[in-house]
């Protein structure tokens, strides 16, 4: 009588979901492009976003300096936190995505122009585009710096949903812009931040996706 063979050991979930180089490249590019399009929509409609991008928008509106350059410079201090608390691979990917977003926002107006854009549409479509882009990046262990780094860290470490943290920080940053941007534009900007935060809170929950 033969001895029954033992079943093969199951492949770990992490191994089965590990991303290859091509998967990372296409996801990081697509996510950054989505956020870049949302940024261009916000800029044309006169809206703001949160995190370091929001601060860059405020400085851009107040000084007229190029948004891409300001955004890249503001994120530099956050790389140290990401390097020491989140990981080197995450930091390198984030650095590349921030640089790519800065380039997209600088080159974008030369490639696309919308003749009319209502701020309500910009808030809704831009919020969803930005949320989708950040979701792509988060699932491939990257971000666009600033509050996104903090929100992903808090979710991974303490289980606090990244979308809720992101929404709270973004709304605070947007409200700080009342001294630069008219109230109506700030209100639309808060709507965009809420839409993006709710999208991330629903779509990016702890333990739901384990891609590496």
C-alpha atoms as a PDB file:
ATOM      1  CA  UNK A   1       0.000   0.000   0.000  1.00  0.00           C
ATOM      2  CA  UNK A   2       1.563   3.264  -1.115  1.00  0.00           C
ATOM      3  CA  UNK A   3       1.912   6.198   1.190  1.00  0.00           C
ATOM      4  CA  UNK A   4      -0.235   9.121   0.047  1.00  0.00           C
ATOM      5  CA  UNK A   5       1.792  12.101  -0.976  1.00  0.00           C
ATOM      6  CA  UNK A   6       1.464  15.265   1.028  1.00  0.00           C
ATOM      7  CA  UNK A   7      -0.229  18.220  -0.681  1.00  0.00           C
ATOM      8  CA  UNK A   8       2.090  20.825  -2.080  1.00  0.00           C
ATOM      9  CA  UNK A   9       2.739  23.768   0.178  1.00  0.00           C
ATOM     10  CA  UNK A  10       0.541  26.697  -0.778  1.00  0.00           C
ATOM     11  CA  UNK A  11       2.209  29.638  -2.413  1.00  0.00           C
ATOM     12  CA  UNK A  12       2.229  32.551  -0.031  1.00  0.00           C
ATOM     13  CA  UNK A  13      -0.150  35.398  -0.760  1.00  0.00           C
ATOM     14  CA  UNK A  14       2.734  37.843  -0.691  1.00  0.00           C
ATOM     15  CA  UNK A  15       4.712  35.885  -3.263  1.00  0.00           C
ATOM     16  CA  UNK A  16       1.691  35.519  -5.558  1.00  0.00           C
ATOM     17  CA  UNK A  17       1.041  39.248  -5.443  1.00  0.00           C
ATOM     18  CA  UNK A  18       4.627  40.447  -5.735  1.00  0.00           C
ATOM     19  CA  UNK A  19       4.858  43.030  -8.505  1.00  0.00           C
ATOM     20  CA  UNK A  20       7.380  42.792 -11.299  1.00  0.00           C
ATOM     21  CA  UNK A  21       9.379  45.691 -12.674  1.00  0.00           C
ATOM     22  CA  UNK A  22       7.015  46.312 -15.587  1.00  0.00           C
ATOM     23  CA  UNK A  23       3.987  46.273 -13.273  1.00  0.00           C
ATOM     24  CA  UNK A  24       5.652  48.822 -10.995  1.00  0.00           C
ATOM     25  CA  UNK A  25       6.665  51.091 -13.870  1.00  0.00           C
ATOM     26  CA  UNK A  26       3.242  51.171 -15.510  1.00  0.00           C
ATOM     27  CA  UNK A  27       1.430  51.658 -12.188  1.00  0.00           C
ATOM     28  CA  UNK A  28       3.733  54.442 -10.978  1.00  0.00           C
ATOM     29  CA  UNK A  29       3.550  56.217 -14.322  1.00  0.00           C
ATOM     30  CA  UNK A  30      -0.239  55.887 -14.567  1.00  0.00           C
ATOM     31  CA  UNK A  31      -0.805  56.958 -10.969  1.00  0.00           C
ATOM     32  CA  UNK A  32       1.471  59.969 -11.321  1.00  0.00           C
ATOM     33  CA  UNK A  33      -0.165  60.921 -14.627  1.00  0.00           C
ATOM     34  CA  UNK A  34      -3.659  60.741 -13.081  1.00  0.00           C
ATOM     35  CA  UNK A  35      -2.579  63.007 -10.239  1.00  0.00           C
ATOM     36  CA  UNK A  36      -0.871  65.346 -12.712  1.00  0.00           C
ATOM     37  CA  UNK A  37      -4.061  65.679 -14.763  1.00  0.00           C
ATOM     38  CA  UNK A  38      -6.004  66.411 -11.573  1.00  0.00           C
ATOM     39  CA  UNK A  39      -3.423  69.055 -10.621  1.00  0.00           C
ATOM     40  CA  UNK A  40      -3.771  70.729 -14.015  1.00  0.00           C
ATOM     41  CA  UNK A  41      -7.566  70.733 -13.648  1.00  0.00           C
ATOM     42  CA  UNK A  42      -7.270  72.279 -10.184  1.00  0.00           C
ATOM     43  CA  UNK A  43      -4.838  74.920 -11.438  1.00  0.00           C
ATOM     44  CA  UNK A  44      -7.108  75.927 -14.319  1.00  0.00           C
ATOM     45  CA  UNK A  45     -10.191  76.051 -12.073  1.00  0.00           C
ATOM     46  CA  UNK A  46      -8.286  77.929  -9.353  1.00  0.00           C
ATOM     47  CA  UNK A  47      -8.683  75.130  -6.805  1.00  0.00           C
ATOM     48  CA  UNK A  48      -6.287  73.751  -4.232  1.00  0.00           C
ATOM     49  CA  UNK A  49      -5.336  70.355  -2.951  1.00  0.00           C
ATOM     50  CA  UNK A  50      -3.857  69.264   0.358  1.00  0.00           C
ATOM     51  CA  UNK A  51      -0.536  67.958   1.636  1.00  0.00           C
ATOM     52  CA  UNK A  52       2.681  69.429   0.231  1.00  0.00           C
ATOM     53  CA  UNK A  53       0.966  69.890  -3.117  1.00  0.00           C
ATOM     54  CA  UNK A  54      -1.526  72.225  -1.438  1.00  0.00           C
ATOM     55  CA  UNK A  55       1.262  74.241   0.167  1.00  0.00           C
ATOM     56  CA  UNK A  56       2.967  74.406  -3.220  1.00  0.00           C
ATOM     57  CA  UNK A  57      -0.251  75.696  -4.780  1.00  0.00           C
ATOM     58  CA  UNK A  58      -0.568  78.411  -2.118  1.00  0.00           C
ATOM     59  CA  UNK A  59       3.021  79.543  -2.712  1.00  0.00           C
ATOM     60  CA  UNK A  60       2.463  79.353  -6.468  1.00  0.00           C
ATOM     61  CA  UNK A  61      -0.615  81.585  -6.250  1.00  0.00           C
ATOM     62  CA  UNK A  62       1.077  83.982  -3.822  1.00  0.00           C
ATOM     63  CA  UNK A  63       4.461  84.302  -5.568  1.00  0.00           C
ATOM     64  CA  UNK A  64       3.962  83.195  -9.151  1.00  0.00           C
ATOM     65  CA  UNK A  65       6.892  80.765  -8.864  1.00  0.00           C
ATOM     66  CA  UNK A  66       6.607  77.521 -10.912  1.00  0.00           C
ATOM     67  CA  UNK A  67       4.437  74.970  -9.118  1.00  0.00           C
ATOM     68  CA  UNK A  68       6.599  72.008 -10.146  1.00  0.00           C
ATOM     69  CA  UNK A  69       9.757  73.519  -8.689  1.00  0.00           C
ATOM     70  CA  UNK A  70       8.064  74.494  -5.410  1.00  0.00           C
ATOM     71  CA  UNK A  71       6.431  71.085  -5.059  1.00  0.00           C
ATOM     72  CA  UNK A  72       9.699  69.234  -5.581  1.00  0.00           C
ATOM     73  CA  UNK A  73      11.580  71.421  -3.067  1.00  0.00           C
ATOM     74  CA  UNK A  74       8.920  71.172  -0.320  1.00  0.00           C
ATOM     75  CA  UNK A  75       9.010  67.381  -0.409  1.00  0.00           C
ATOM     76  CA  UNK A  76      12.744  67.096   0.239  1.00  0.00           C
ATOM     77  CA  UNK A  77      12.467  66.981   4.092  1.00  0.00           C
ATOM     78  CA  UNK A  78       9.863  64.209   3.924  1.00  0.00           C
ATOM     79  CA  UNK A  79      12.268  61.845   2.200  1.00  0.00           C
ATOM     80  CA  UNK A  80      14.225  61.473   5.448  1.00  0.00           C
ATOM     81  CA  UNK A  81      11.109  60.308   7.289  1.00  0.00           C
ATOM     82  CA  UNK A  82      10.267  57.860   4.516  1.00  0.00           C
ATOM     83  CA  UNK A  83      13.848  56.545   4.382  1.00  0.00           C
ATOM     84  CA  UNK A  84      14.057  55.924   8.141  1.00  0.00           C
ATOM     85  CA  UNK A  85      10.472  54.813   8.895  1.00  0.00           C
ATOM     86  CA  UNK A  86       9.012  53.270   5.733  1.00  0.00           C
ATOM     87  CA  UNK A  87      11.922  51.888   3.719  1.00  0.00           C
ATOM     88  CA  UNK A  88      14.480  52.641   1.055  1.00  0.00           C
ATOM     89  CA  UNK A  89      12.535  51.169  -1.862  1.00  0.00           C
ATOM     90  CA  UNK A  90       9.455  53.207  -0.928  1.00  0.00           C
ATOM     91  CA  UNK A  91      11.580  56.363  -0.664  1.00  0.00           C
ATOM     92  CA  UNK A  92      13.263  55.872  -4.043  1.00  0.00           C
ATOM     93  CA  UNK A  93       9.917  55.225  -5.736  1.00  0.00           C
ATOM     94  CA  UNK A  94       8.432  58.292  -4.047  1.00  0.00           C
ATOM     95  CA  UNK A  95      11.369  60.453  -5.126  1.00  0.00           C
ATOM     96  CA  UNK A  96      10.925  59.322  -8.731  1.00  0.00           C
ATOM     97  CA  UNK A  97       7.160  59.933  -8.666  1.00  0.00           C
ATOM     98  CA  UNK A  98       7.522  63.408  -7.149  1.00  0.00           C
ATOM     99  CA  UNK A  99      10.052  64.295  -9.829  1.00  0.00           C
ATOM    100  CA  UNK A 100       7.780  62.907 -12.550  1.00  0.00           C
ATOM    101  CA  UNK A 101       4.780  64.822 -11.198  1.00  0.00           C
ATOM    102  CA  UNK A 102       6.791  68.050 -11.124  1.00  0.00           C
ATOM    103  CA  UNK A 103       7.709  67.476 -14.771  1.00  0.00           C
ATOM    104  CA  UNK A 104       4.136  66.591 -15.782  1.00  0.00           C
ATOM    105  CA  UNK A 105       2.687  69.711 -14.174  1.00  0.00           C
ATOM    106  CA  UNK A 106       5.282  71.891 -15.903  1.00  0.00           C
ATOM    107  CA  UNK A 107       4.920  70.281 -19.351  1.00  0.00           C
ATOM    108  CA  UNK A 108       1.177  69.564 -19.143  1.00  0.00           C
ATOM    109  CA  UNK A 109      -0.162  73.033 -20.056  1.00  0.00           C
ATOM    110  CA  UNK A 110       1.840  72.843 -23.304  1.00  0.00           C
ATOM    111  CA  UNK A 111       0.173  69.548 -24.195  1.00  0.00           C
ATOM    112  CA  UNK A 112      -3.436  70.011 -23.051  1.00  0.00           C
ATOM    113  CA  UNK A 113      -5.737  72.988 -22.577  1.00  0.00           C
ATOM    114  CA  UNK A 114      -9.403  73.007 -21.557  1.00  0.00           C
ATOM    115  CA  UNK A 115     -11.346  76.034 -22.790  1.00  0.00           C
ATOM    116  CA  UNK A 116     -13.956  75.877 -20.008  1.00  0.00           C
ATOM    117  CA  UNK A 117     -13.850  74.018 -16.702  1.00  0.00           C
ATOM    118  CA  UNK A 118     -16.449  74.536 -13.983  1.00  0.00           C
ATOM    119  CA  UNK A 119     -14.944  74.317 -10.483  1.00  0.00           C
ATOM    120  CA  UNK A 120     -17.602  71.792  -9.412  1.00  0.00           C
ATOM    121  CA  UNK A 121     -16.591  69.402 -12.191  1.00  0.00           C
ATOM    122  CA  UNK A 122     -12.913  70.009 -11.448  1.00  0.00           C
ATOM    123  CA  UNK A 123     -13.523  69.192  -7.770  1.00  0.00           C
ATOM    124  CA  UNK A 124     -15.419  65.953  -8.462  1.00  0.00           C
ATOM    125  CA  UNK A 125     -13.430  64.606 -11.417  1.00  0.00           C
ATOM    126  CA  UNK A 126     -10.134  65.891 -10.047  1.00  0.00           C
ATOM    127  CA  UNK A 127     -10.774  64.385  -6.619  1.00  0.00           C
ATOM    128  CA  UNK A 128     -11.536  60.976  -8.128  1.00  0.00           C
ATOM    129  CA  UNK A 129      -8.571  61.134 -10.505  1.00  0.00           C
ATOM    130  CA  UNK A 130      -6.249  62.082  -7.677  1.00  0.00           C
ATOM    131  CA  UNK A 131      -7.641  59.381  -5.414  1.00  0.00           C
ATOM    132  CA  UNK A 132      -7.214  56.772  -8.165  1.00  0.00           C
ATOM    133  CA  UNK A 133      -3.658  57.898  -8.825  1.00  0.00           C
ATOM    134  CA  UNK A 134      -2.686  57.775  -5.161  1.00  0.00           C
ATOM    135  CA  UNK A 135      -4.291  54.333  -4.871  1.00  0.00           C
ATOM    136  CA  UNK A 136      -2.141  53.036  -7.744  1.00  0.00           C
ATOM    137  CA  UNK A 137       0.963  54.404  -6.055  1.00  0.00           C
ATOM    138  CA  UNK A 138       0.071  53.090  -2.595  1.00  0.00           C
ATOM    139  CA  UNK A 139      -0.545  49.575  -3.922  1.00  0.00           C
ATOM    140  CA  UNK A 140       2.895  49.633  -5.497  1.00  0.00           C
ATOM    141  CA  UNK A 141       4.633  50.930  -2.362  1.00  0.00           C
ATOM    142  CA  UNK A 142       5.064  54.540  -3.413  1.00  0.00           C
ATOM    143  CA  UNK A 143       3.557  57.970  -2.770  1.00  0.00           C
ATOM    144  CA  UNK A 144       3.829  61.624  -3.724  1.00  0.00           C
ATOM    145  CA  UNK A 145       5.433  62.745  -0.486  1.00  0.00           C
ATOM    146  CA  UNK A 146       4.122  64.858   2.359  1.00  0.00           C
ATOM    147  CA  UNK A 147       0.913  63.768   4.057  1.00  0.00           C
ATOM    148  CA  UNK A 148       0.640  60.709   1.836  1.00  0.00           C
ATOM    149  CA  UNK A 149       3.791  59.282   3.432  1.00  0.00           C
ATOM    150  CA  UNK A 150       2.386  59.911   6.911  1.00  0.00           C
ATOM    151  CA  UNK A 151      -1.046  58.470   6.086  1.00  0.00           C
ATOM    152  CA  UNK A 152       0.373  55.273   4.567  1.00  0.00           C
ATOM    153  CA  UNK A 153       2.751  54.869   7.522  1.00  0.00           C
ATOM    154  CA  UNK A 154      -0.077  55.249  10.053  1.00  0.00           C
ATOM    155  CA  UNK A 155      -2.191  52.713   8.183  1.00  0.00           C
ATOM    156  CA  UNK A 156       0.605  50.148   7.951  1.00  0.00           C
ATOM    157  CA  UNK A 157       1.741  50.691  11.559  1.00  0.00           C
ATOM    158  CA  UNK A 158      -1.495  51.355  13.453  1.00  0.00           C
ATOM    159  CA  UNK A 159      -4.289  50.300  11.100  1.00  0.00           C
ATOM    160  CA  UNK A 160      -5.700  53.826  10.769  1.00  0.00           C
ATOM    161  CA  UNK A 161      -7.230  54.157   7.326  1.00  0.00           C
ATOM    162  CA  UNK A 162      -5.002  56.213   5.063  1.00  0.00           C
ATOM    163  CA  UNK A 163      -7.982  57.894   3.399  1.00  0.00           C
ATOM    164  CA  UNK A 164      -9.240  59.344   6.682  1.00  0.00           C
ATOM    165  CA  UNK A 165      -5.826  60.696   7.650  1.00  0.00           C
ATOM    166  CA  UNK A 166      -5.288  62.107   4.167  1.00  0.00           C
ATOM    167  CA  UNK A 167      -8.708  63.774   4.134  1.00  0.00           C
ATOM    168  CA  UNK A 168      -8.183  65.408   7.545  1.00  0.00           C
ATOM    169  CA  UNK A 169      -4.743  66.774   6.632  1.00  0.00           C
ATOM    170  CA  UNK A 170      -5.846  67.932   3.190  1.00  0.00           C
ATOM    171  CA  UNK A 171      -8.890  69.788   4.497  1.00  0.00           C
ATOM    172  CA  UNK A 172      -6.729  71.607   7.067  1.00  0.00           C
ATOM    173  CA  UNK A 173      -4.181  72.634   4.425  1.00  0.00           C
ATOM    174  CA  UNK A 174      -6.903  73.813   2.052  1.00  0.00           C
ATOM    175  CA  UNK A 175      -8.594  75.883   4.775  1.00  0.00           C
ATOM    176  CA  UNK A 176      -5.270  77.609   5.480  1.00  0.00           C
ATOM    177  CA  UNK A 177      -5.439  79.004   1.948  1.00  0.00           C
ATOM    178  CA  UNK A 178      -8.372  81.295   2.771  1.00  0.00           C
ATOM    179  CA  UNK A 179      -5.996  84.254   2.901  1.00  0.00           C
ATOM    180  CA  UNK A 180      -4.897  83.646  -0.712  1.00  0.00           C
ATOM    181  CA  UNK A 181      -7.890  82.080  -2.503  1.00  0.00           C
ATOM    182  CA  UNK A 182     -11.533  83.278  -2.497  1.00  0.00           C
ATOM    183  CA  UNK A 183     -13.895  81.393  -0.183  1.00  0.00           C
ATOM    184  CA  UNK A 184     -15.862  79.835  -3.061  1.00  0.00           C
ATOM    185  CA  UNK A 185     -12.724  78.271  -4.495  1.00  0.00           C
ATOM    186  CA  UNK A 186     -11.691  77.012  -1.065  1.00  0.00           C
ATOM    187  CA  UNK A 187     -15.127  75.409  -0.624  1.00  0.00           C
ATOM    188  CA  UNK A 188     -14.783  73.557  -3.933  1.00  0.00           C
ATOM    189  CA  UNK A 189     -11.272  72.544  -2.912  1.00  0.00           C
ATOM    190  CA  UNK A 190     -12.565  71.083   0.368  1.00  0.00           C
ATOM    191  CA  UNK A 191     -15.129  69.112  -1.645  1.00  0.00           C
ATOM    192  CA  UNK A 192     -12.327  67.715  -3.824  1.00  0.00           C
ATOM    193  CA  UNK A 193     -10.339  66.736  -0.715  1.00  0.00           C
ATOM    194  CA  UNK A 194     -13.360  64.986   0.818  1.00  0.00           C
ATOM    195  CA  UNK A 195     -14.104  63.085  -2.408  1.00  0.00           C
ATOM    196  CA  UNK A 196     -10.497  61.953  -2.672  1.00  0.00           C
ATOM    197  CA  UNK A 197     -10.331  60.974   1.005  1.00  0.00           C
ATOM    198  CA  UNK A 198     -13.577  58.993   0.905  1.00  0.00           C
ATOM    199  CA  UNK A 199     -12.422  57.204  -2.252  1.00  0.00           C
ATOM    200  CA  UNK A 200      -9.151  56.187  -0.592  1.00  0.00           C
ATOM    201  CA  UNK A 201     -10.848  55.212   2.675  1.00  0.00           C
ATOM    202  CA  UNK A 202     -13.224  52.883   0.820  1.00  0.00           C
ATOM    203  CA  UNK A 203     -10.698  51.484  -1.659  1.00  0.00           C
ATOM    204  CA  UNK A 204      -7.494  51.235   0.385  1.00  0.00           C
ATOM    205  CA  UNK A 205      -8.267  49.391   3.614  1.00  0.00           C
ATOM    206  CA  UNK A 206      -5.703  47.649   5.854  1.00  0.00           C
ATOM    207  CA  UNK A 207      -5.239  44.019   4.846  1.00  0.00           C
ATOM    208  CA  UNK A 208      -7.393  44.208   1.710  1.00  0.00           C
ATOM    209  CA  UNK A 209      -4.494  44.314  -0.723  1.00  0.00           C
ATOM    210  CA  UNK A 210      -1.061  42.861  -0.070  1.00  0.00           C
ATOM    211  CA  UNK A 211       0.838  43.604  -3.281  1.00  0.00           C
ATOM    212  CA  UNK A 212       4.568  44.215  -2.881  1.00  0.00           C
END
